[in-house]
Amino acid sequence: HIWCPGCGIGTVFSSCLSAIKATQIPYNKFAMVSGIGCSARGA
């Protein structure tokens, strides 16, 4: 990925993925949207 060493975005992204998984909602019922910026690369 593009995130720098020491950046916290990966930690937030990991928590987001873990939360999605924990809902047990089928993945085809989700959509993720982002704009522009370091964090926005998550999409």
ModelCIF file with pLDDT and N, C-alpha, C, O atoms, coordinates in Angstrom:
data_MODEL
#
_entry.id   MODEL 
#
_entity.id                         1 
_entity.type                       polymer 
_entity.pdbx_number_of_molecules   1 
#
_entity_poly.entity_id                      1 
_entity_poly.type                           'polypeptide(L)' 
_entity_poly.nstd_linkage                   no 
_entity_poly.nstd_monomer                   no 
_entity_poly.pdbx_seq_one_letter_code       HIWCPGCGIGTVFSSCLSAIKATQIPYNKFAMVSGIGCSARGA 
_entity_poly.pdbx_seq_one_letter_code_can   HIWCPGCGIGTVFSSCLSAIKATQIPYNKFAMVSGIGCSARGA 
_entity_poly.pdbx_strand_id                 A 
#
loop_
_entity_poly_seq.entity_id 
_entity_poly_seq.num 
_entity_poly_seq.mon_id 
_entity_poly_seq.hetero 
1 1  HIS n 
1 2  ILE n 
1 3  TRP n 
1 4  CYS n 
1 5  PRO n 
1 6  GLY n 
1 7  CYS n 
1 8  GLY n 
1 9  ILE n 
1 10 GLY n 
1 11 THR n 
1 12 VAL n 
1 13 PHE n 
1 14 SER n 
1 15 SER n 
1 16 CYS n 
1 17 LEU n 
1 18 SER n 
1 19 ALA n 
1 20 ILE n 
1 21 LYS n 
1 22 ALA n 
1 23 THR n 
1 24 GLN n 
1 25 ILE n 
1 26 PRO n 
1 27 TYR n 
1 28 ASN n 
1 29 LYS n 
1 30 PHE n 
1 31 ALA n 
1 32 MET n 
1 33 VAL n 
1 34 SER n 
1 35 GLY n 
1 36 ILE n 
1 37 GLY n 
1 38 CYS n 
1 39 SER n 
1 40 ALA n 
1 41 ARG n 
1 42 GLY n 
1 43 ALA n 
#
_struct_asym.id          A 
_struct_asym.entity_id   1 
#
loop_
_ma_qa_metric.id 
_ma_qa_metric.mode 
_ma_qa_metric.name 
_ma_qa_metric.software_group_id 
_ma_qa_metric.type 
1 global pLDDT . pLDDT 
2 local  pLDDT . pLDDT 
#
_ma_qa_metric_global.metric_id      1 
_ma_qa_metric_global.metric_value   95.44 
_ma_qa_metric_global.model_id       1 
_ma_qa_metric_global.ordinal_id     1 
#
loop_
_ma_qa_metric_local.label_asym_id 
_ma_qa_metric_local.label_comp_id 
_ma_qa_metric_local.label_seq_id 
_ma_qa_metric_local.metric_id 
_ma_qa_metric_local.metric_value 
_ma_qa_metric_local.model_id 
_ma_qa_metric_local.ordinal_id 
A HIS 1  2 92.00 1 1  
A ILE 2  2 90.00 1 2  
A TRP 3  2 94.00 1 3  
A CYS 4  2 93.00 1 4  
A PRO 5  2 92.00 1 5  
A GLY 6  2 92.00 1 6  
A CYS 7  2 94.00 1 7  
A GLY 8  2 95.00 1 8  
A ILE 9  2 96.00 1 9  
A GLY 10 2 95.00 1 10 
A THR 11 2 96.00 1 11 
A VAL 12 2 98.00 1 12 
A PHE 13 2 97.00 1 13 
A SER 14 2 96.00 1 14 
A SER 15 2 98.00 1 15 
A CYS 16 2 98.00 1 16 
A LEU 17 2 97.00 1 17 
A SER 18 2 97.00 1 18 
A ALA 19 2 98.00 1 19 
A ILE 20 2 98.00 1 20 
A LYS 21 2 97.00 1 21 
A ALA 22 2 97.00 1 22 
A THR 23 2 97.00 1 23 
A GLN 24 2 96.00 1 24 
A ILE 25 2 97.00 1 25 
A PRO 26 2 97.00 1 26 
A TYR 27 2 97.00 1 27 
A ASN 28 2 96.00 1 28 
A LYS 29 2 97.00 1 29 
A PHE 30 2 98.00 1 30 
A ALA 31 2 98.00 1 31 
A MET 32 2 98.00 1 32 
A VAL 33 2 97.00 1 33 
A SER 34 2 96.00 1 34 
A GLY 35 2 94.00 1 35 
A ILE 36 2 93.00 1 36 
A GLY 37 2 93.00 1 37 
A CYS 38 2 93.00 1 38 
A SER 39 2 94.00 1 39 
A ALA 40 2 93.00 1 40 
A ARG 41 2 93.00 1 41 
A GLY 42 2 93.00 1 42 
A ALA 43 2 94.00 1 43 
#
loop_
_atom_site.group_PDB 
_atom_site.id 
_atom_site.type_symbol 
_atom_site.label_atom_id 
_atom_site.label_alt_id 
_atom_site.label_comp_id 
_atom_site.label_asym_id 
_atom_site.label_entity_id 
_atom_site.label_seq_id 
_atom_site.pdbx_PDB_ins_code 
_atom_site.Cartn_x 
_atom_site.Cartn_y 
_atom_site.Cartn_z 
_atom_site.occupancy 
_atom_site.B_iso_or_equiv 
_atom_site.pdbx_formal_charge 
_atom_site.auth_seq_id 
_atom_site.auth_comp_id 
_atom_site.auth_asym_id 
_atom_site.auth_atom_id 
_atom_site.pdbx_PDB_model_num 
ATOM 1   N N  . HIS A 1 1  ? 0.828   -1.197  0.000  1.00 92.00 ? 1  HIS A N  1 
ATOM 2   C CA . HIS A 1 1  ? 0.000   0.000   0.000  1.00 92.00 ? 1  HIS A CA 1 
ATOM 3   C C  . HIS A 1 1  ? 0.873   1.262   0.000  1.00 92.00 ? 1  HIS A C  1 
ATOM 4   O O  . HIS A 1 1  ? 2.101   1.185   0.054  1.00 92.00 ? 1  HIS A O  1 
ATOM 5   N N  . ILE A 1 2  ? 0.215   2.416   -0.062 1.00 90.00 ? 2  ILE A N  1 
ATOM 6   C CA . ILE A 1 2  ? 0.959   3.680   -0.170 1.00 90.00 ? 2  ILE A CA 1 
ATOM 7   C C  . ILE A 1 2  ? 1.231   4.330   1.181  1.00 90.00 ? 2  ILE A C  1 
ATOM 8   O O  . ILE A 1 2  ? 1.929   5.343   1.237  1.00 90.00 ? 2  ILE A O  1 
ATOM 9   N N  . TRP A 1 3  ? 0.698   3.774   2.277  1.00 94.00 ? 3  TRP A N  1 
ATOM 10  C CA . TRP A 1 3  ? 0.768   4.459   3.565  1.00 94.00 ? 3  TRP A CA 1 
ATOM 11  C C  . TRP A 1 3  ? 2.173   4.397   4.154  1.00 94.00 ? 3  TRP A C  1 
ATOM 12  O O  . TRP A 1 3  ? 2.851   3.373   4.070  1.00 94.00 ? 3  TRP A O  1 
ATOM 13  N N  . CYS A 1 4  ? 2.595   5.499   4.746  1.00 93.00 ? 4  CYS A N  1 
ATOM 14  C CA . CYS A 1 4  ? 3.959   5.636   5.272  1.00 93.00 ? 4  CYS A CA 1 
ATOM 15  C C  . CYS A 1 4  ? 4.143   4.836   6.564  1.00 93.00 ? 4  CYS A C  1 
ATOM 16  O O  . CYS A 1 4  ? 3.165   4.556   7.257  1.00 93.00 ? 4  CYS A O  1 
ATOM 17  N N  . PRO A 1 5  ? 5.385   4.464   6.899  1.00 92.00 ? 5  PRO A N  1 
ATOM 18  C CA . PRO A 1 5  ? 5.654   3.847   8.202  1.00 92.00 ? 5  PRO A CA 1 
ATOM 19  C C  . PRO A 1 5  ? 5.236   4.797   9.329  1.00 92.00 ? 5  PRO A C  1 
ATOM 20  O O  . PRO A 1 5  ? 5.543   5.988   9.290  1.00 92.00 ? 5  PRO A O  1 
ATOM 21  N N  . GLY A 1 6  ? 4.545   4.267   10.316 1.00 92.00 ? 6  GLY A N  1 
ATOM 22  C CA . GLY A 1 6  ? 4.093   5.088   11.433 1.00 92.00 ? 6  GLY A CA 1 
ATOM 23  C C  . GLY A 1 6  ? 2.727   5.702   11.236 1.00 92.00 ? 6  GLY A C  1 
ATOM 24  O O  . GLY A 1 6  ? 2.156   6.244   12.183 1.00 92.00 ? 6  GLY A O  1 
ATOM 25  N N  . CYS A 1 7  ? 2.188   5.632   10.034 1.00 94.00 ? 7  CYS A N  1 
ATOM 26  C CA . CYS A 1 7  ? 0.847   6.157   9.752  1.00 94.00 ? 7  CYS A CA 1 
ATOM 27  C C  . CYS A 1 7  ? -0.195  5.260   10.424 1.00 94.00 ? 7  CYS A C  1 
ATOM 28  O O  . CYS A 1 7  ? 0.006   4.051   10.542 1.00 94.00 ? 7  CYS A O  1 
ATOM 29  N N  . GLY A 1 8  ? -1.298  5.850   10.860 1.00 95.00 ? 8  GLY A N  1 
ATOM 30  C CA . GLY A 1 8  ? -2.331  5.078   11.543 1.00 95.00 ? 8  GLY A CA 1 
ATOM 31  C C  . GLY A 1 8  ? -3.477  4.626   10.665 1.00 95.00 ? 8  GLY A C  1 
ATOM 32  O O  . GLY A 1 8  ? -4.391  3.953   11.142 1.00 95.00 ? 8  GLY A O  1 
ATOM 33  N N  . ILE A 1 9  ? -3.447  4.984   9.383  1.00 96.00 ? 9  ILE A N  1 
ATOM 34  C CA . ILE A 1 9  ? -4.590  4.668   8.520  1.00 96.00 ? 9  ILE A CA 1 
ATOM 35  C C  . ILE A 1 9  ? -4.808  3.162   8.418  1.00 96.00 ? 9  ILE A C  1 
ATOM 36  O O  . ILE A 1 9  ? -5.948  2.698   8.428  1.00 96.00 ? 9  ILE A O  1 
ATOM 37  N N  . GLY A 1 10 ? -3.735  2.406   8.321  1.00 95.00 ? 10 GLY A N  1 
ATOM 38  C CA . GLY A 1 10 ? -3.863  0.952   8.216  1.00 95.00 ? 10 GLY A CA 1 
ATOM 39  C C  . GLY A 1 10 ? -4.576  0.346   9.412  1.00 95.00 ? 10 GLY A C  1 
ATOM 40  O O  . GLY A 1 10 ? -5.333  -0.615  9.273  1.00 95.00 ? 10 GLY A O  1 
ATOM 41  N N  . THR A 1 11 ? -4.334  0.911   10.588 1.00 96.00 ? 11 THR A N  1 
ATOM 42  C CA . THR A 1 11 ? -5.009  0.426   11.798 1.00 96.00 ? 11 THR A CA 1 
ATOM 43  C C  . THR A 1 11 ? -6.508  0.693   11.722 1.00 96.00 ? 11 THR A C  1 
ATOM 44  O O  . THR A 1 11 ? -7.314  -0.170  12.069 1.00 96.00 ? 11 THR A O  1 
ATOM 45  N N  . VAL A 1 12 ? -6.881  1.889   11.268 1.00 98.00 ? 12 VAL A N  1 
ATOM 46  C CA . VAL A 1 12 ? -8.304  2.219   11.122 1.00 98.00 ? 12 VAL A CA 1 
ATOM 47  C C  . VAL A 1 12 ? -8.946  1.319   10.064 1.00 98.00 ? 12 VAL A C  1 
ATOM 48  O O  . VAL A 1 12 ? -10.059 0.827   10.247 1.00 98.00 ? 12 VAL A O  1 
ATOM 49  N N  . PHE A 1 13 ? -8.242  1.116   8.978  1.00 97.00 ? 13 PHE A N  1 
ATOM 50  C CA . PHE A 1 13 ? -8.739  0.275   7.882  1.00 97.00 ? 13 PHE A CA 1 
ATOM 51  C C  . PHE A 1 13 ? -8.959  -1.155  8.371  1.00 97.00 ? 13 PHE A C  1 
ATOM 52  O O  . PHE A 1 13 ? -9.971  -1.778  8.048  1.00 97.00 ? 13 PHE A O  1 
ATOM 53  N N  . SER A 1 14 ? -8.013  -1.670  9.148  1.00 96.00 ? 14 SER A N  1 
ATOM 54  C CA . SER A 1 14 ? -8.131  -3.020  9.687  1.00 96.00 ? 14 SER A CA 1 
ATOM 55  C C  . SER A 1 14 ? -9.344  -3.128  10.613 1.00 96.00 ? 14 SER A C  1 
ATOM 56  O O  . SER A 1 14 ? -10.077 -4.116  10.562 1.00 96.00 ? 14 SER A O  1 
ATOM 57  N N  . SER A 1 15 ? -9.558  -2.112  11.460 1.00 98.00 ? 15 SER A N  1 
ATOM 58  C CA . SER A 1 15 ? -10.733 -2.123  12.338 1.00 98.00 ? 15 SER A CA 1 
ATOM 59  C C  . SER A 1 15 ? -12.027 -2.097  11.532 1.00 98.00 ? 15 SER A C  1 
ATOM 60  O O  . SER A 1 15 ? -13.008 -2.749  11.888 1.00 98.00 ? 15 SER A O  1 
ATOM 61  N N  . CYS A 1 16 ? -12.014 -1.347  10.458 1.00 98.00 ? 16 CYS A N  1 
ATOM 62  C CA . CYS A 1 16 ? -13.203 -1.267  9.595  1.00 98.00 ? 16 CYS A CA 1 
ATOM 63  C C  . CYS A 1 16 ? -13.497 -2.628  8.971  1.00 98.00 ? 16 CYS A C  1 
ATOM 64  O O  . CYS A 1 16 ? -14.649 -3.062  8.952  1.00 98.00 ? 16 CYS A O  1 
ATOM 65  N N  . LEU A 1 17 ? -12.469 -3.305  8.461  1.00 97.00 ? 17 LEU A N  1 
ATOM 66  C CA . LEU A 1 17 ? -12.668 -4.621  7.861  1.00 97.00 ? 17 LEU A CA 1 
ATOM 67  C C  . LEU A 1 17 ? -13.138 -5.637  8.901  1.00 97.00 ? 17 LEU A C  1 
ATOM 68  O O  . LEU A 1 17 ? -14.013 -6.460  8.632  1.00 97.00 ? 17 LEU A O  1 
ATOM 69  N N  . SER A 1 18 ? -12.543 -5.565  10.094 1.00 97.00 ? 18 SER A N  1 
ATOM 70  C CA . SER A 1 18 ? -12.956 -6.482  11.164 1.00 97.00 ? 18 SER A CA 1 
ATOM 71  C C  . SER A 1 18 ? -14.415 -6.263  11.545 1.00 97.00 ? 18 SER A C  1 
ATOM 72  O O  . SER A 1 18 ? -15.142 -7.217  11.821 1.00 97.00 ? 18 SER A O  1 
ATOM 73  N N  . ALA A 1 19 ? -14.842 -4.993  11.560 1.00 98.00 ? 19 ALA A N  1 
ATOM 74  C CA . ALA A 1 19 ? -16.239 -4.682  11.887 1.00 98.00 ? 19 ALA A CA 1 
ATOM 75  C C  . ALA A 1 19 ? -17.184 -5.199  10.807 1.00 98.00 ? 19 ALA A C  1 
ATOM 76  O O  . ALA A 1 19 ? -18.238 -5.755  11.116 1.00 98.00 ? 19 ALA A O  1 
ATOM 77  N N  . ILE A 1 20 ? -16.811 -5.019  9.544  1.00 98.00 ? 20 ILE A N  1 
ATOM 78  C CA . ILE A 1 20 ? -17.625 -5.539  8.437  1.00 98.00 ? 20 ILE A CA 1 
ATOM 79  C C  . ILE A 1 20 ? -17.788 -7.038  8.574  1.00 98.00 ? 20 ILE A C  1 
ATOM 80  O O  . ILE A 1 20 ? -18.891 -7.570  8.442  1.00 98.00 ? 20 ILE A O  1 
ATOM 81  N N  . LYS A 1 21 ? -16.681 -7.716  8.841  1.00 97.00 ? 21 LYS A N  1 
ATOM 82  C CA . LYS A 1 21 ? -16.715 -9.183  8.976  1.00 97.00 ? 21 LYS A CA 1 
ATOM 83  C C  . LYS A 1 21 ? -17.594 -9.602  10.149 1.00 97.00 ? 21 LYS A C  1 
ATOM 84  O O  . LYS A 1 21 ? -18.342 -10.575 10.056 1.00 97.00 ? 21 LYS A O  1 
ATOM 85  N N  . ALA A 1 22 ? -17.499 -8.858  11.260 1.00 97.00 ? 22 ALA A N  1 
ATOM 86  C CA . ALA A 1 22 ? -18.238 -9.221  12.475 1.00 97.00 ? 22 ALA A CA 1 
ATOM 87  C C  . ALA A 1 22 ? -19.744 -9.068  12.313 1.00 97.00 ? 22 ALA A C  1 
ATOM 88  O O  . ALA A 1 22 ? -20.503 -9.716  13.033 1.00 97.00 ? 22 ALA A O  1 
ATOM 89  N N  . THR A 1 23 ? -20.195 -8.231  11.389 1.00 97.00 ? 23 THR A N  1 
ATOM 90  C CA . THR A 1 23 ? -21.642 -8.068  11.195 1.00 97.00 ? 23 THR A CA 1 
ATOM 91  C C  . THR A 1 23 ? -22.291 -9.320  10.623 1.00 97.00 ? 23 THR A C  1 
ATOM 92  O O  . THR A 1 23 ? -23.487 -9.547  10.803 1.00 97.00 ? 23 THR A O  1 
ATOM 93  N N  . GLN A 1 24 ? -21.479 -10.144 9.921  1.00 96.00 ? 24 GLN A N  1 
ATOM 94  C CA . GLN A 1 24 ? -21.963 -11.361 9.245  1.00 96.00 ? 24 GLN A CA 1 
ATOM 95  C C  . GLN A 1 24 ? -22.971 -11.049 8.147  1.00 96.00 ? 24 GLN A C  1 
ATOM 96  O O  . GLN A 1 24 ? -23.717 -11.922 7.704  1.00 96.00 ? 24 GLN A O  1 
ATOM 97  N N  . ILE A 1 25 ? -22.982 -9.793  7.715  1.00 97.00 ? 25 ILE A N  1 
ATOM 98  C CA . ILE A 1 25 ? -23.808 -9.399  6.573  1.00 97.00 ? 25 ILE A CA 1 
ATOM 99  C C  . ILE A 1 25 ? -23.069 -9.814  5.305  1.00 97.00 ? 25 ILE A C  1 
ATOM 100 O O  . ILE A 1 25 ? -21.858 -9.609  5.222  1.00 97.00 ? 25 ILE A O  1 
ATOM 101 N N  . PRO A 1 26 ? -23.748 -10.389 4.317  1.00 97.00 ? 26 PRO A N  1 
ATOM 102 C CA . PRO A 1 26 ? -23.069 -10.790 3.073  1.00 97.00 ? 26 PRO A CA 1 
ATOM 103 C C  . PRO A 1 26 ? -22.309 -9.616  2.443  1.00 97.00 ? 26 PRO A C  1 
ATOM 104 O O  . PRO A 1 26 ? -22.800 -8.487  2.408  1.00 97.00 ? 26 PRO A O  1 
ATOM 105 N N  . TYR A 1 27 ? -21.120 -9.903  1.955  1.00 97.00 ? 27 TYR A N  1 
ATOM 106 C CA . TYR A 1 27 ? -20.267 -8.844  1.408  1.00 97.00 ? 27 TYR A CA 1 
ATOM 107 C C  . TYR A 1 27 ? -20.892 -8.132  0.210  1.00 97.00 ? 27 TYR A C  1 
ATOM 108 O O  . TYR A 1 27 ? -20.582 -6.971  -0.057 1.00 97.00 ? 27 TYR A O  1 
ATOM 109 N N  . ASN A 1 28 ? -21.777 -8.832  -0.512 1.00 96.00 ? 28 ASN A N  1 
ATOM 110 C CA . ASN A 1 28 ? -22.396 -8.183  -1.671 1.00 96.00 ? 28 ASN A CA 1 
ATOM 111 C C  . ASN A 1 28 ? -23.472 -7.180  -1.268 1.00 96.00 ? 28 ASN A C  1 
ATOM 112 O O  . ASN A 1 28 ? -24.101 -6.558  -2.125 1.00 96.00 ? 28 ASN A O  1 
ATOM 113 N N  . LYS A 1 29 ? -23.683 -7.025  0.049  1.00 97.00 ? 29 LYS A N  1 
ATOM 114 C CA . LYS A 1 29 ? -24.621 -6.016  0.551  1.00 97.00 ? 29 LYS A CA 1 
ATOM 115 C C  . LYS A 1 29 ? -23.893 -4.755  1.022  1.00 97.00 ? 29 LYS A C  1 
ATOM 116 O O  . LYS A 1 29 ? -24.498 -3.877  1.637  1.00 97.00 ? 29 LYS A O  1 
ATOM 117 N N  . PHE A 1 30 ? -22.600 -4.673  0.733  1.00 98.00 ? 30 PHE A N  1 
ATOM 118 C CA . PHE A 1 30 ? -21.799 -3.517  1.131  1.00 98.00 ? 30 PHE A CA 1 
ATOM 119 C C  . PHE A 1 30 ? -21.293 -2.743  -0.082 1.00 98.00 ? 30 PHE A C  1 
ATOM 120 O O  . PHE A 1 30 ? -21.143 -3.287  -1.176 1.00 98.00 ? 30 PHE A O  1 
ATOM 121 N N  . ALA A 1 31 ? -21.035 -1.461  0.148  1.00 98.00 ? 31 ALA A N  1 
ATOM 122 C CA . ALA A 1 31 ? -20.298 -0.641  -0.809 1.00 98.00 ? 31 ALA A CA 1 
ATOM 123 C C  . ALA A 1 31 ? -19.459 0.344   -0.006 1.00 98.00 ? 31 ALA A C  1 
ATOM 124 O O  . ALA A 1 31 ? -19.915 0.868   1.010  1.00 98.00 ? 31 ALA A O  1 
ATOM 125 N N  . MET A 1 32 ? -18.246 0.593   -0.454 1.00 98.00 ? 32 MET A N  1 
ATOM 126 C CA . MET A 1 32 ? -17.387 1.584   0.204  1.00 98.00 ? 32 MET A CA 1 
ATOM 127 C C  . MET A 1 32 ? -17.058 2.682   -0.792 1.00 98.00 ? 32 MET A C  1 
ATOM 128 O O  . MET A 1 32 ? -16.757 2.416   -1.956 1.00 98.00 ? 32 MET A O  1 
ATOM 129 N N  . VAL A 1 33 ? -17.121 3.930   -0.313 1.00 97.00 ? 33 VAL A N  1 
ATOM 130 C CA . VAL A 1 33 ? -16.862 5.098   -1.150 1.00 97.00 ? 33 VAL A CA 1 
ATOM 131 C C  . VAL A 1 33 ? -15.814 5.974   -0.472 1.00 97.00 ? 33 VAL A C  1 
ATOM 132 O O  . VAL A 1 33 ? -15.819 6.129   0.749  1.00 97.00 ? 33 VAL A O  1 
ATOM 133 N N  . SER A 1 34 ? -14.922 6.541   -1.268 1.00 96.00 ? 34 SER A N  1 
ATOM 134 C CA . SER A 1 34 ? -13.952 7.488   -0.717 1.00 96.00 ? 34 SER A CA 1 
ATOM 135 C C  . SER A 1 34 ? -13.739 8.620   -1.708 1.00 96.00 ? 34 SER A C  1 
ATOM 136 O O  . SER A 1 34 ? -14.138 8.538   -2.870 1.00 96.00 ? 34 SER A O  1 
ATOM 137 N N  . GLY A 1 35 ? -13.101 9.682   -1.222 1.00 94.00 ? 35 GLY A N  1 
ATOM 138 C CA . GLY A 1 35 ? -12.782 10.810  -2.088 1.00 94.00 ? 35 GLY A CA 1 
ATOM 139 C C  . GLY A 1 35 ? -11.325 10.740  -2.516 1.00 94.00 ? 35 GLY A C  1 
ATOM 140 O O  . GLY A 1 35 ? -10.904 9.769   -3.143 1.00 94.00 ? 35 GLY A O  1 
ATOM 141 N N  . ILE A 1 36 ? -10.557 11.769  -2.176 1.00 93.00 ? 36 ILE A N  1 
ATOM 142 C CA . ILE A 1 36 ? -9.137  11.809  -2.536 1.00 93.00 ? 36 ILE A CA 1 
ATOM 143 C C  . ILE A 1 36 ? -8.323  12.054  -1.270 1.00 93.00 ? 36 ILE A C  1 
ATOM 144 O O  . ILE A 1 36 ? -8.733  12.821  -0.399 1.00 93.00 ? 36 ILE A O  1 
ATOM 145 N N  . GLY A 1 37 ? -7.183  11.406  -1.176 1.00 93.00 ? 37 GLY A N  1 
ATOM 146 C CA . GLY A 1 37 ? -6.300  11.587  -0.031 1.00 93.00 ? 37 GLY A CA 1 
ATOM 147 C C  . GLY A 1 37 ? -5.713  10.264  0.408  1.00 93.00 ? 37 GLY A C  1 
ATOM 148 O O  . GLY A 1 37 ? -6.069  9.213   -0.126 1.00 93.00 ? 37 GLY A O  1 
ATOM 149 N N  . CYS A 1 38 ? -4.809  10.308  1.386  1.00 93.00 ? 38 CYS A N  1 
ATOM 150 C CA . CYS A 1 38 ? -4.170  9.079   1.867  1.00 93.00 ? 38 CYS A CA 1 
ATOM 151 C C  . CYS A 1 38 ? -5.214  8.083   2.382  1.00 93.00 ? 38 CYS A C  1 
ATOM 152 O O  . CYS A 1 38 ? -5.208  6.915   1.992  1.00 93.00 ? 38 CYS A O  1 
ATOM 153 N N  . SER A 1 39 ? -6.099  8.546   3.250  1.00 94.00 ? 39 SER A N  1 
ATOM 154 C CA . SER A 1 39 ? -7.118  7.660   3.826  1.00 94.00 ? 39 SER A CA 1 
ATOM 155 C C  . SER A 1 39 ? -8.041  7.114   2.750  1.00 94.00 ? 39 SER A C  1 
ATOM 156 O O  . SER A 1 39 ? -8.502  5.975   2.831  1.00 94.00 ? 39 SER A O  1 
ATOM 157 N N  . ALA A 1 40 ? -8.303  7.929   1.750  1.00 93.00 ? 40 ALA A N  1 
ATOM 158 C CA . ALA A 1 40 ? -9.248  7.549   0.703  1.00 93.00 ? 40 ALA A CA 1 
ATOM 159 C C  . ALA A 1 40 ? -8.761  6.381   -0.144 1.00 93.00 ? 40 ALA A C  1 
ATOM 160 O O  . ALA A 1 40 ? -9.537  5.804   -0.907 1.00 93.00 ? 40 ALA A O  1 
ATOM 161 N N  . ARG A 1 41 ? -7.496  6.030   -0.020 1.00 93.00 ? 41 ARG A N  1 
ATOM 162 C CA . ARG A 1 41 ? -7.013  4.872   -0.761 1.00 93.00 ? 41 ARG A CA 1 
ATOM 163 C C  . ARG A 1 41 ? -7.626  3.575   -0.236 1.00 93.00 ? 41 ARG A C  1 
ATOM 164 O O  . ARG A 1 41 ? -7.541  2.534   -0.888 1.00 93.00 ? 41 ARG A O  1 
ATOM 165 N N  . GLY A 1 42 ? -8.250  3.642   0.957  1.00 93.00 ? 42 GLY A N  1 
ATOM 166 C CA . GLY A 1 42 ? -8.867  2.446   1.513  1.00 93.00 ? 42 GLY A CA 1 
ATOM 167 C C  . GLY A 1 42 ? -9.865  1.802   0.569  1.00 93.00 ? 42 GLY A C  1 
ATOM 168 O O  . GLY A 1 42 ? -9.958  0.576   0.509  1.00 93.00 ? 42 GLY A O  1 
ATOM 169 N N  . ALA A 1 43 ? -10.610 2.609   -0.166 1.00 94.00 ? 43 ALA A N  1 
ATOM 170 C CA . ALA A 1 43 ? -11.604 2.066   -1.095 1.00 94.00 ? 43 ALA A CA 1 
ATOM 171 C C  . ALA A 1 43 ? -10.955 1.232   -2.191 1.00 94.00 ? 43 ALA A C  1 
ATOM 172 O O  . ALA A 1 43 ? -11.651 0.701   -3.057 1.00 94.00 ? 43 ALA A O  1 
#
